[in-house]
Structures are given as structure tokens and as C-alpha cells.
């Protein structure tokens, strides 16, 4: 026997023949379908509610928004759609699972979460592109260019399922509930999603005042044998089923920074009780009213708690640290809308970036729902940031902050609640 076999800890594993230790098999066979959909109540603005009755496993939930070719045929080009415009259309989403509390995320925060929970850079690029392709017309002709075909945005509501899941991918077991699962989407007025070209030189027009298409759609995993349901084997009035979530994001908040590329202090408060895994931060440029989904990474950022420094990233180095600590860089490829002389010009390919500031031992998104890595308890605490914007501008910067927690969904007595 080799010295390595003697000194290394661990159980022997056969890597030649298949056996019970190196192979897994599904216990409860299921059938897949995406047949259940529900139209949005209002295609102009306001709140639409998806209710999922207690039945079987629910995995992914998406929202589809779209414009028909006929709705776009009158566009002359003075308005354009930014890449990922479907997320701009969402003011906020909320969810309630059974009898749990209601939790909220902004549209921008939902995009950030979807990007962060994917495993690879290519998946992140696809999530953004499928959230609404960039749509513009450099000429004055009505209905030409991108406006001659229908445009759609596909938006995953990633609460209990990751967009780029490569882990176990457990569904939400609504069969353990006696109350509905509720997901709400509040839309911004559709016209507010469109970006106006400054000093447009062609014939002006107005953007569509309503979406042509808007609906929820869910992915269900239904047991082939309902007799295998957990409630048929365990008294759920006396027991609790624990389902780990791929982290929980507290509702985003924003704060304004000065227009200088200097170190600026930011006080973070309002942490809920629970284990904080990390803080996510990114900047948007107040000078740019067109590319609002373009995010900037601070050139330098330091996070302190109780006088101790935790992440210290200088000279934009958060990008390499986040890559070393994960499975993909903290960025996504963005197509930036440009204009000159009163017309849209060729877009620029840029990176939209964010910064992850961990308190816990970092782990890739593959394992966030499968392995519990403890965060830091900051109940009633204050965290201090020192943030340096990447360059000076005129109108200043908006700093976006998201607190990320460990979270488990507990089912018992026909209800559910989030445990932090």
C-alpha cells in the first residue's frame, strides 16, 4: 500500500467499477411538465399574482413579457430597448410559501441574483440576453431593423431553484402545504422601459403603452406514485421537513455616492437575524440614463465589522478574488447602447460587473444549497464599507447593496416558513 493511501483521510471509493458508493439512483420517479401558465392581470403596470395550489413539486417559475411585431411596427427608431429590458420592466417581485411571511426583491436585484446563481460566464450571458434582447434602429424607417420581429423577455423567479443548477435541484414540495404558494410581479409602466435617443433626428414616435404578451409559467415535477409522498409516511403535524434554499437575498437598498473617484464611507445597517454569508455591491452611473443595467465594480472596497477588516479589495482586484472563490467571474457581457448626432450608433461590448464581499468561507454556486457553510451573525450590528468609484463623473453614483443569508425552508402542519 502506498504512503498516500496510508496518510490520507477518507473512505475507499471504487473509481473503476460502479457500486453503491459512487452511484446514486432516484427513489421517487416523477413526470415533467410546463403545462401550467397564468396570464398577468394587467399588461400596462400594476401587480399580478400567481397562485400555485398545493399539489406536487414545483421547480422553476418564469415570467414571459413580449411585444408582437405589429406592436413594434410603428417604431421609427428614437426609442430603444436595453439588453435585459425585461428586468427593467419589473418594479419588484414578492413571494409567500404557504403561510410564510412575504418577501420582496426589486427587478434589478432579481437580475443580479439570477446571474450570481449560475455556474459559468456563458450561462450569465445567456440569462441576460434571454431577459430581453437589445432592440434599436439606426434609421428613421418605421418597423425596420429590430422592430420588424416580435421581442420577448424570459425572466426566472429564482427563489428555491437556481437558474444554472447543477446540484440536486430539489423541487418545492407543495404537497406538504395546505395553503397556496403565491408569487407576485409588479410592473413598471412599459413606456418607462424604453430609452429615448437624445436629439433624435428622424420622425418621432411613442413607445408601446402596453405589453402584447405577459404570463407566468411553472415547471412541475409530479410523482408517478402519489403514495410515496412524505406526508403518507411521516406525521407532518409532529415533524418538520427542512429544504435548504440557495441563499436568501434581503431586499436591495441603494445609497448615493459623490461624483469623485475617492474613498467614500458607507454605513450598512438593518441586518435581519441570521447568518450573513456575504454582501453584494455594485455601482450604476447617474450620468447614464440609457444603460441602466450597466453595473460598475468599485475600484477599491473594504468591509469592516466591529473594527475588523474582512474583504479588502484594491485596484479592482475583487474580480480575481471572486473568480478564485467561485466558479465564474462576477460579471456579465453587456451590449451598451450608443448615440451620436441624433441617432443610435453601433453598440459597444462591455462588462457589467459586481463585487461579492464574503463573511463566510466562499463556495461555488453549485454547492450553496447542498452544503451549509456558516456565515456571520450581525443582528443589530453595523457594517462599514469604504468604497471608491471607478472614475469621476458629473451626477454621482448609485451604490446597490444586497445582504445574502443562509436560509432553510421548513414545512410542518400544512404550512411553511423561512428559517434564518
Protein backbone atom coordinates (compact mmCIF):
# COMPACT_ATOMS: atom_id res chain seq x y z
CA UNK A 1 0.00 0.00 0.00
CA UNK A 2 1.33 3.45 -0.89
CA UNK A 3 2.21 6.13 1.66
CA UNK A 4 -0.52 8.35 0.21
CA UNK A 5 -3.16 5.70 0.86
CA UNK A 6 -1.97 5.45 4.46
CA UNK A 7 -1.85 9.16 5.33
CA UNK A 8 -4.94 10.48 3.51
CA UNK A 9 -8.26 10.50 5.36
CA UNK A 10 -11.45 9.29 3.70
CA UNK A 11 -13.36 6.18 2.79
CA UNK A 12 -12.16 3.98 -0.08
CA UNK A 13 -14.02 4.73 -3.33
CA UNK A 14 -14.10 2.45 -6.38
CA UNK A 15 -13.33 4.54 -9.48
CA UNK A 16 -13.32 1.56 -11.83
CA UNK A 17 -16.49 -0.45 -11.11
CA UNK A 18 -19.88 1.02 -10.33
CA UNK A 19 -21.07 0.36 -6.78
CA UNK A 20 -23.34 1.88 -4.09
CA UNK A 21 -20.70 4.43 -3.05
CA UNK A 22 -20.06 6.02 -6.45
CA UNK A 23 -23.56 5.89 -7.92
CA UNK A 24 -26.95 7.33 -6.96
CA UNK A 25 -30.45 6.45 -8.12
CA UNK A 26 -33.75 8.28 -7.91
CA UNK A 27 -36.15 6.96 -5.27
CA UNK A 28 -39.34 8.79 -6.30
CA UNK A 29 -39.90 8.77 -10.09
CA UNK A 30 -41.58 11.91 -11.41
CA UNK A 31 -43.11 13.26 -14.60
CA UNK A 32 -42.09 16.63 -16.01
CA UNK A 33 -44.39 19.28 -17.45
CA UNK A 34 -44.61 23.01 -18.06
CA UNK A 35 -48.30 22.99 -18.95
CA UNK A 36 -49.45 25.37 -16.21
CA UNK A 37 -49.45 29.07 -17.09
CA UNK A 38 -51.38 32.12 -15.93
CA UNK A 39 -51.75 35.45 -17.69
CA UNK A 40 -50.67 38.66 -15.99
CA UNK A 41 -53.65 40.63 -14.72
CA UNK A 42 -52.51 43.87 -16.34
CA UNK A 43 -50.13 44.34 -19.29
CA UNK A 44 -49.59 48.05 -18.62
CA UNK A 45 -48.49 48.26 -14.97
CA UNK A 46 -49.55 47.17 -11.51
CA UNK A 47 -49.47 43.88 -9.62
CA UNK A 48 -50.20 40.41 -10.98
CA UNK A 49 -50.43 37.38 -8.70
CA UNK A 50 -49.57 33.76 -9.46
CA UNK A 51 -51.20 31.27 -7.09
CA UNK A 52 -49.99 27.68 -7.10
CA UNK A 53 -52.37 25.32 -5.29
CA UNK A 54 -50.99 22.56 -3.03
CA UNK A 55 -50.33 19.65 -5.34
CA UNK A 56 -46.88 18.40 -6.32
CA UNK A 57 -43.30 19.54 -6.81
CA UNK A 58 -42.73 22.98 -8.35
CA UNK A 59 -39.27 23.78 -9.60
CA UNK A 60 -38.77 26.80 -11.88
CA UNK A 61 -41.15 29.75 -12.21
CA UNK A 62 -40.68 32.20 -15.08
CA UNK A 63 -42.36 35.39 -16.26
CA UNK A 64 -42.63 36.00 -20.00
CA UNK A 65 -43.09 39.54 -21.34
CA UNK A 66 -43.27 40.42 -25.02
CA UNK A 67 -44.18 42.72 -27.87
CA UNK A 68 -45.66 41.45 -31.13
CA UNK A 69 -44.20 42.58 -34.45
CA UNK A 70 -47.32 44.63 -35.12
CA UNK A 71 -46.94 46.46 -31.80
CA UNK A 72 -43.38 47.42 -32.81
CA UNK A 73 -44.09 48.20 -36.45
CA UNK A 74 -44.62 51.93 -35.83
CA UNK A 75 -41.28 52.48 -34.09
CA UNK A 76 -39.12 54.87 -36.09
CA UNK A 77 -36.00 54.48 -34.02
CA UNK A 78 -35.99 57.30 -31.50
CA UNK A 79 -36.63 54.75 -28.74
CA UNK A 80 -34.61 51.61 -27.97
CA UNK A 81 -34.68 48.68 -25.58
CA UNK A 82 -31.67 48.00 -23.41
CA UNK A 83 -30.34 44.45 -23.17
CA UNK A 84 -32.13 42.72 -20.30
CA UNK A 85 -35.10 45.10 -20.61
CA UNK A 86 -37.47 42.55 -19.06
CA UNK A 87 -35.86 43.16 -15.68
CA UNK A 88 -36.27 46.92 -16.17
CA UNK A 89 -39.98 46.25 -16.65
CA UNK A 90 -40.25 44.71 -13.16
CA UNK A 91 -40.56 47.12 -10.26
CA UNK A 92 -40.49 44.31 -7.73
CA UNK A 93 -41.46 40.72 -7.11
CA UNK A 94 -42.61 39.06 -3.92
CA UNK A 95 -43.25 35.53 -2.75
CA UNK A 96 -45.10 33.75 0.03
CA UNK A 97 -44.85 29.99 0.52
CA UNK A 98 -47.88 28.57 2.29
CA UNK A 99 -48.32 30.59 5.46
CA UNK A 100 -44.85 32.15 5.40
CA UNK A 101 -44.12 35.85 5.58
CA UNK A 102 -43.99 37.81 2.33
CA UNK A 103 -40.56 38.72 0.95
CA UNK A 104 -39.64 41.22 -1.78
CA UNK A 105 -36.93 41.70 -4.42
CA UNK A 106 -36.51 44.53 -6.93
CA UNK A 107 -36.21 43.83 -10.66
CA UNK A 108 -32.54 44.83 -10.63
CA UNK A 109 -31.94 42.61 -7.61
CA UNK A 110 -33.66 39.67 -9.32
CA UNK A 111 -31.32 40.06 -12.31
CA UNK A 112 -28.30 40.16 -10.01
CA UNK A 113 -29.48 37.06 -8.16
CA UNK A 114 -30.13 35.14 -11.39
CA UNK A 115 -26.67 36.00 -12.67
CA UNK A 116 -24.94 35.20 -9.39
CA UNK A 117 -26.60 31.78 -9.00
CA UNK A 118 -25.44 30.49 -12.38
CA UNK A 119 -22.29 28.43 -12.63
CA UNK A 120 -20.49 29.77 -15.70
CA UNK A 121 -19.89 33.03 -17.55
CA UNK A 122 -21.73 31.69 -20.63
CA UNK A 123 -24.80 30.96 -18.53
CA UNK A 124 -24.72 34.51 -17.17
CA UNK A 125 -24.51 35.98 -20.65
CA UNK A 126 -27.47 33.84 -21.75
CA UNK A 127 -29.59 34.80 -18.73
CA UNK A 128 -29.10 38.50 -19.53
CA UNK A 129 -29.75 38.07 -23.27
CA UNK A 130 -32.88 35.97 -22.68
CA UNK A 131 -34.09 38.68 -20.28
CA UNK A 132 -34.72 40.82 -23.37
CA UNK A 133 -32.51 41.37 -26.39
CA UNK A 134 -31.19 44.82 -27.16
CA UNK A 135 -33.54 46.44 -29.67
CA UNK A 136 -32.77 49.61 -31.64
CA UNK A 137 -32.96 51.07 -35.13
CA UNK A 138 -30.31 53.37 -36.53
CA UNK A 139 -32.52 54.57 -39.39
CA UNK A 140 -35.79 56.53 -39.45
CA UNK A 141 -37.79 53.87 -41.31
CA UNK A 142 -40.74 52.58 -39.32
CA UNK A 143 -40.72 48.91 -38.45
CA UNK A 144 -37.26 48.26 -39.86
CA UNK A 145 -34.31 46.71 -38.10
CA UNK A 146 -35.02 45.05 -34.75
CA UNK A 147 -38.60 46.34 -34.77
CA UNK A 148 -39.70 44.09 -37.62
CA UNK A 149 -39.91 40.97 -35.42
CA UNK A 150 -41.55 40.11 -32.10
CA UNK A 151 -39.44 40.64 -28.98
CA UNK A 152 -39.69 38.60 -25.78
CA UNK A 153 -38.09 38.55 -22.32
CA UNK A 154 -37.89 35.36 -20.24
CA UNK A 155 -37.32 36.01 -16.54
CA UNK A 156 -36.72 33.22 -13.97
CA UNK A 157 -38.06 33.89 -10.47
CA UNK A 158 -35.16 32.20 -8.66
CA UNK A 159 -36.33 31.64 -5.08
CA UNK A 160 -35.85 27.93 -4.38
CA UNK A 161 -34.28 26.91 -7.72
CA UNK A 162 -31.04 28.17 -9.29
CA UNK A 163 -31.10 29.27 -12.97
CA UNK A 164 -27.93 27.30 -13.76
CA UNK A 165 -28.46 24.44 -11.33
CA UNK A 166 -26.02 21.56 -11.39
CA UNK A 167 -26.65 20.34 -7.85
CA UNK A 168 -29.52 18.14 -6.66
CA UNK A 169 -32.18 20.54 -7.94
CA UNK A 170 -34.93 19.67 -5.47
CA UNK A 171 -38.44 20.94 -6.25
CA UNK A 172 -40.64 22.87 -3.85
CA UNK A 173 -42.91 20.15 -2.35
CA UNK A 174 -46.27 21.93 -2.37
CA UNK A 175 -47.89 18.58 -1.47
CA UNK A 176 -46.79 19.32 2.12
CA UNK A 177 -48.83 22.53 2.17
CA UNK A 178 -52.48 23.20 2.88
CA UNK A 179 -52.17 26.77 1.56
CA UNK A 180 -51.19 28.20 -1.80
CA UNK A 181 -47.78 29.36 -2.95
CA UNK A 182 -48.04 32.98 -4.07
CA UNK A 183 -45.69 34.86 -6.38
CA UNK A 184 -46.43 38.48 -7.32
CA UNK A 185 -44.93 40.66 -10.02
CA UNK A 186 -45.37 44.43 -10.04
CA UNK A 187 -44.63 46.01 -13.42
CA UNK A 188 -43.35 49.46 -14.21
CA UNK A 189 -45.27 51.29 -16.95
CA UNK A 190 -43.97 49.70 -20.19
CA UNK A 191 -43.15 53.09 -21.73
CA UNK A 192 -40.65 53.70 -18.92
CA UNK A 193 -38.61 50.70 -20.09
CA UNK A 194 -37.82 52.37 -23.44
CA UNK A 195 -34.75 54.60 -23.77
CA UNK A 196 -35.02 57.86 -25.70
CA UNK A 197 -32.28 58.81 -28.13
CA UNK A 198 -31.09 62.35 -27.31
CA UNK A 199 -31.78 64.84 -30.13
CA UNK A 200 -33.30 62.16 -32.38
CA UNK A 201 -33.09 63.42 -35.96
CA UNK A 202 -35.83 61.30 -37.55
CA UNK A 203 -39.60 61.19 -37.30
CA UNK A 204 -40.51 60.85 -33.62
CA UNK A 205 -42.89 58.24 -32.23
CA UNK A 206 -44.13 56.98 -28.88
CA UNK A 207 -43.19 53.61 -27.40
CA UNK A 208 -45.90 50.98 -26.86
CA UNK A 209 -48.04 51.70 -23.82
CA UNK A 210 -48.64 48.02 -23.02
CA UNK A 211 -47.01 44.65 -23.47
CA UNK A 212 -48.64 42.37 -26.01
CA UNK A 213 -47.78 39.26 -24.02
CA UNK A 214 -47.37 38.67 -20.30
CA UNK A 215 -47.77 35.47 -18.30
CA UNK A 216 -46.36 33.22 -15.57
CA UNK A 217 -45.32 29.65 -16.37
CA UNK A 218 -44.16 26.96 -13.97
CA UNK A 219 -42.22 23.72 -14.20
CA UNK A 220 -43.84 20.85 -12.28
CA UNK A 221 -42.40 17.53 -11.19
CA UNK A 222 -45.31 15.21 -10.39
CA UNK A 223 -44.85 11.92 -8.54
CA UNK A 224 -45.72 8.89 -10.63
CA UNK A 225 -46.92 7.23 -7.41
CA UNK A 226 -48.55 9.71 -5.04
CA UNK A 227 -48.45 7.07 -2.34
CA UNK A 228 -44.73 7.85 -1.97
CA UNK A 229 -45.50 11.36 -0.67
CA UNK A 230 -43.72 12.21 2.58
CA UNK A 231 -46.99 13.03 4.36
CA UNK A 232 -48.12 9.41 3.78
CA UNK A 233 -45.08 8.10 5.64
CA UNK A 234 -44.44 10.76 8.30
CA UNK A 235 -46.81 12.62 10.61
CA UNK A 236 -46.11 16.19 9.45
CA UNK A 237 -48.02 17.57 12.45
CA UNK A 238 -45.18 16.36 14.67
CA UNK A 239 -42.24 16.59 12.26
CA UNK A 240 -40.67 19.24 10.03
CA UNK A 241 -39.24 18.78 6.55
CA UNK A 242 -36.20 21.04 6.03
CA UNK A 243 -35.39 22.19 2.50
CA UNK A 244 -32.22 24.29 2.09
CA UNK A 245 -32.51 27.34 -0.16
CA UNK A 246 -29.66 28.54 -2.42
CA UNK A 247 -29.21 31.57 -0.12
CA UNK A 248 -31.74 34.30 0.69
CA UNK A 249 -31.32 37.89 -0.52
CA UNK A 250 -32.63 40.63 1.73
CA UNK A 251 -34.39 43.37 -0.23
CA UNK A 252 -31.90 45.60 -2.04
CA UNK A 253 -31.24 49.12 -0.85
CA UNK A 254 -29.40 51.92 -2.60
CA UNK A 255 -27.41 54.93 -1.45
CA UNK A 256 -25.82 57.83 -3.29
CA UNK A 257 -22.07 58.40 -3.59
CA UNK A 258 -20.20 61.55 -4.61
CA UNK A 259 -19.09 62.11 -8.20
CA UNK A 260 -15.39 61.78 -7.33
CA UNK A 261 -13.19 58.70 -7.65
CA UNK A 262 -12.19 58.93 -3.99
CA UNK A 263 -12.61 56.67 -0.98
CA UNK A 264 -16.09 57.20 0.49
CA UNK A 265 -17.56 55.75 3.72
CA UNK A 266 -20.87 53.85 3.70
CA UNK A 267 -22.66 52.56 6.80
CA UNK A 268 -24.64 49.32 6.36
CA UNK A 269 -27.39 48.60 8.88
CA UNK A 270 -30.80 46.90 9.01
CA UNK A 271 -29.45 43.34 9.00
CA UNK A 272 -32.08 40.77 9.88
CA UNK A 273 -31.40 37.97 12.38
CA UNK A 274 -29.48 35.17 10.71
CA UNK A 275 -26.14 34.11 9.23
CA UNK A 276 -24.84 36.65 6.71
CA UNK A 277 -22.82 34.83 4.05
CA UNK A 278 -21.80 37.90 2.07
CA UNK A 279 -22.64 41.40 0.96
CA UNK A 280 -23.04 42.08 -2.77
CA UNK A 281 -22.25 45.59 -4.05
CA UNK A 282 -22.26 47.29 -7.45
CA UNK A 283 -22.49 50.84 -8.84
CA UNK A 284 -24.63 52.46 -11.51
CA UNK A 285 -23.60 55.69 -13.22
CA UNK A 286 -26.10 58.52 -12.61
CA UNK A 287 -24.84 60.22 -15.81
CA UNK A 288 -26.18 57.37 -17.96
CA UNK A 289 -29.98 57.39 -18.26
CA UNK A 290 -29.90 54.89 -21.13
CA UNK A 291 -27.78 51.92 -19.96
CA UNK A 292 -29.31 51.43 -16.53
CA UNK A 293 -28.44 47.71 -16.45
CA UNK A 294 -24.74 48.51 -16.84
CA UNK A 295 -23.06 47.93 -13.48
CA UNK A 296 -19.63 49.10 -12.35
CA UNK A 297 -17.28 47.42 -9.94
CA UNK A 298 -15.76 49.68 -7.26
CA UNK A 299 -12.08 50.20 -7.94
CA UNK A 300 -11.45 49.65 -4.23
CA UNK A 301 -13.66 48.39 -1.43
CA UNK A 302 -13.05 47.40 2.20
CA UNK A 303 -15.62 45.84 4.54
CA UNK A 304 -15.30 46.22 8.31
CA UNK A 305 -17.34 44.79 11.18
CA UNK A 306 -16.67 45.51 14.87
CA UNK A 307 -13.46 47.26 13.87
CA UNK A 308 -12.04 44.25 12.00
CA UNK A 309 -11.38 44.30 8.28
CA UNK A 310 -12.78 41.43 6.25
CA UNK A 311 -12.56 41.62 2.41
CA UNK A 312 -10.03 44.25 1.30
CA UNK A 313 -10.02 44.63 -2.48
CA UNK A 314 -7.80 47.26 -4.09
CA UNK A 315 -7.35 48.27 -7.75
CA UNK A 316 -10.39 46.30 -8.92
CA UNK A 317 -8.96 43.05 -7.52
CA UNK A 318 -12.37 41.86 -6.31
CA UNK A 319 -12.84 40.36 -9.79
CA UNK A 320 -9.93 37.94 -9.42
CA UNK A 321 -10.76 37.13 -5.79
CA UNK A 322 -14.41 36.40 -6.63
CA UNK A 323 -13.30 34.18 -9.53
CA UNK A 324 -10.82 32.27 -7.35
CA UNK A 325 -13.53 31.77 -4.72
CA UNK A 326 -16.28 30.67 -7.15
CA UNK A 327 -16.96 29.04 -10.48
CA UNK A 328 -17.38 32.11 -12.71
CA UNK A 329 -16.23 35.76 -12.73
CA UNK A 330 -18.53 38.32 -11.08
CA UNK A 331 -19.51 39.88 -14.41
CA UNK A 332 -21.70 39.51 -17.49
CA UNK A 333 -21.20 40.65 -21.09
CA UNK A 334 -23.35 43.70 -21.80
CA UNK A 335 -24.10 45.49 -25.06
CA UNK A 336 -24.04 49.22 -24.40
CA UNK A 337 -26.40 51.47 -26.37
CA UNK A 338 -24.62 54.43 -28.01
CA UNK A 339 -25.87 57.50 -29.83
CA UNK A 340 -24.30 60.29 -31.85
CA UNK A 341 -25.69 63.14 -33.93
CA UNK A 342 -29.29 62.37 -33.01
CA UNK A 343 -29.21 58.66 -33.96
CA UNK A 344 -28.33 55.32 -32.44
CA UNK A 345 -24.88 54.05 -33.39
CA UNK A 346 -23.08 50.71 -33.14
CA UNK A 347 -23.33 49.32 -29.57
CA UNK A 348 -20.21 48.73 -27.53
CA UNK A 349 -19.42 45.39 -25.93
CA UNK A 350 -18.61 45.96 -22.25
CA UNK A 351 -18.56 44.01 -18.99
CA UNK A 352 -21.22 44.65 -16.38
CA UNK A 353 -19.59 43.83 -13.03
CA UNK A 354 -20.39 43.43 -9.36
CA UNK A 355 -18.44 42.71 -6.19
CA UNK A 356 -19.05 39.91 -3.67
CA UNK A 357 -17.79 40.56 -0.13
CA UNK A 358 -17.85 37.28 1.84
CA UNK A 359 -18.11 36.83 5.59
CA UNK A 360 -18.21 33.02 5.29
CA UNK A 361 -15.84 30.56 3.68
CA UNK A 362 -16.51 31.06 -0.06
CA UNK A 363 -18.12 28.31 -2.12
CA UNK A 364 -19.22 27.96 -5.73
CA UNK A 365 -22.89 28.31 -6.64
CA UNK A 366 -23.00 24.53 -7.29
CA UNK A 367 -22.94 23.83 -3.57
CA UNK A 368 -24.77 26.72 -1.91
CA UNK A 369 -27.96 24.70 -1.40
CA UNK A 370 -26.25 21.37 -0.69
CA UNK A 371 -23.53 22.28 1.83
CA UNK A 372 -24.14 24.57 4.81
CA UNK A 373 -21.22 26.96 5.23
CA UNK A 374 -21.76 29.17 8.26
CA UNK A 375 -21.94 32.95 7.89
CA UNK A 376 -21.66 35.70 10.48
CA UNK A 377 -24.36 36.72 12.95
CA UNK A 378 -24.76 40.51 12.65
CA UNK A 379 -28.12 41.04 14.39
CA UNK A 380 -28.47 44.74 15.31
CA UNK A 381 -24.90 45.25 14.08
CA UNK A 382 -23.38 47.84 11.76
CA UNK A 383 -21.03 47.06 8.90
CA UNK A 384 -18.84 49.78 7.42
CA UNK A 385 -17.70 49.96 3.81
CA UNK A 386 -15.02 52.10 2.25
CA UNK A 387 -15.90 52.39 -1.45
CA UNK A 388 -14.03 54.07 -4.30
CA UNK A 389 -15.94 54.58 -7.60
CA UNK A 390 -14.01 53.61 -10.75
CA UNK A 391 -13.89 57.17 -12.16
CA UNK A 392 -15.22 60.67 -11.58
CA UNK A 393 -18.48 61.69 -13.24
CA UNK A 394 -20.95 64.59 -13.13
CA UNK A 395 -24.10 63.38 -11.36
CA UNK A 396 -22.53 60.93 -8.92
CA UNK A 397 -23.03 57.22 -8.38
CA UNK A 398 -25.74 54.94 -7.00
CA UNK A 399 -24.40 52.13 -4.82
CA UNK A 400 -26.57 49.00 -4.75
CA UNK A 401 -26.27 46.74 -1.68
CA UNK A 402 -27.71 43.24 -1.12
CA UNK A 403 -27.31 41.17 2.05
CA UNK A 404 -27.09 37.42 1.39
CA UNK A 405 -28.04 34.88 4.10
CA UNK A 406 -28.11 31.18 4.76
CA UNK A 407 -31.73 30.06 4.73
CA UNK A 408 -33.78 26.89 5.11
CA UNK A 409 -37.44 26.41 4.26
CA UNK A 410 -39.25 24.46 6.97
CA UNK A 411 -42.53 22.57 6.28
CA UNK A 412 -44.82 21.45 9.07
CA UNK A 413 -48.56 21.29 9.87
CA UNK A 414 -49.51 22.24 6.31
CA UNK A 415 -47.57 25.49 6.39
CA UNK A 416 -44.03 26.70 5.75
CA UNK A 417 -41.65 29.35 6.95
CA UNK A 418 -38.18 30.59 6.15
CA UNK A 419 -35.63 29.81 8.86
CA UNK A 420 -32.58 32.06 9.07
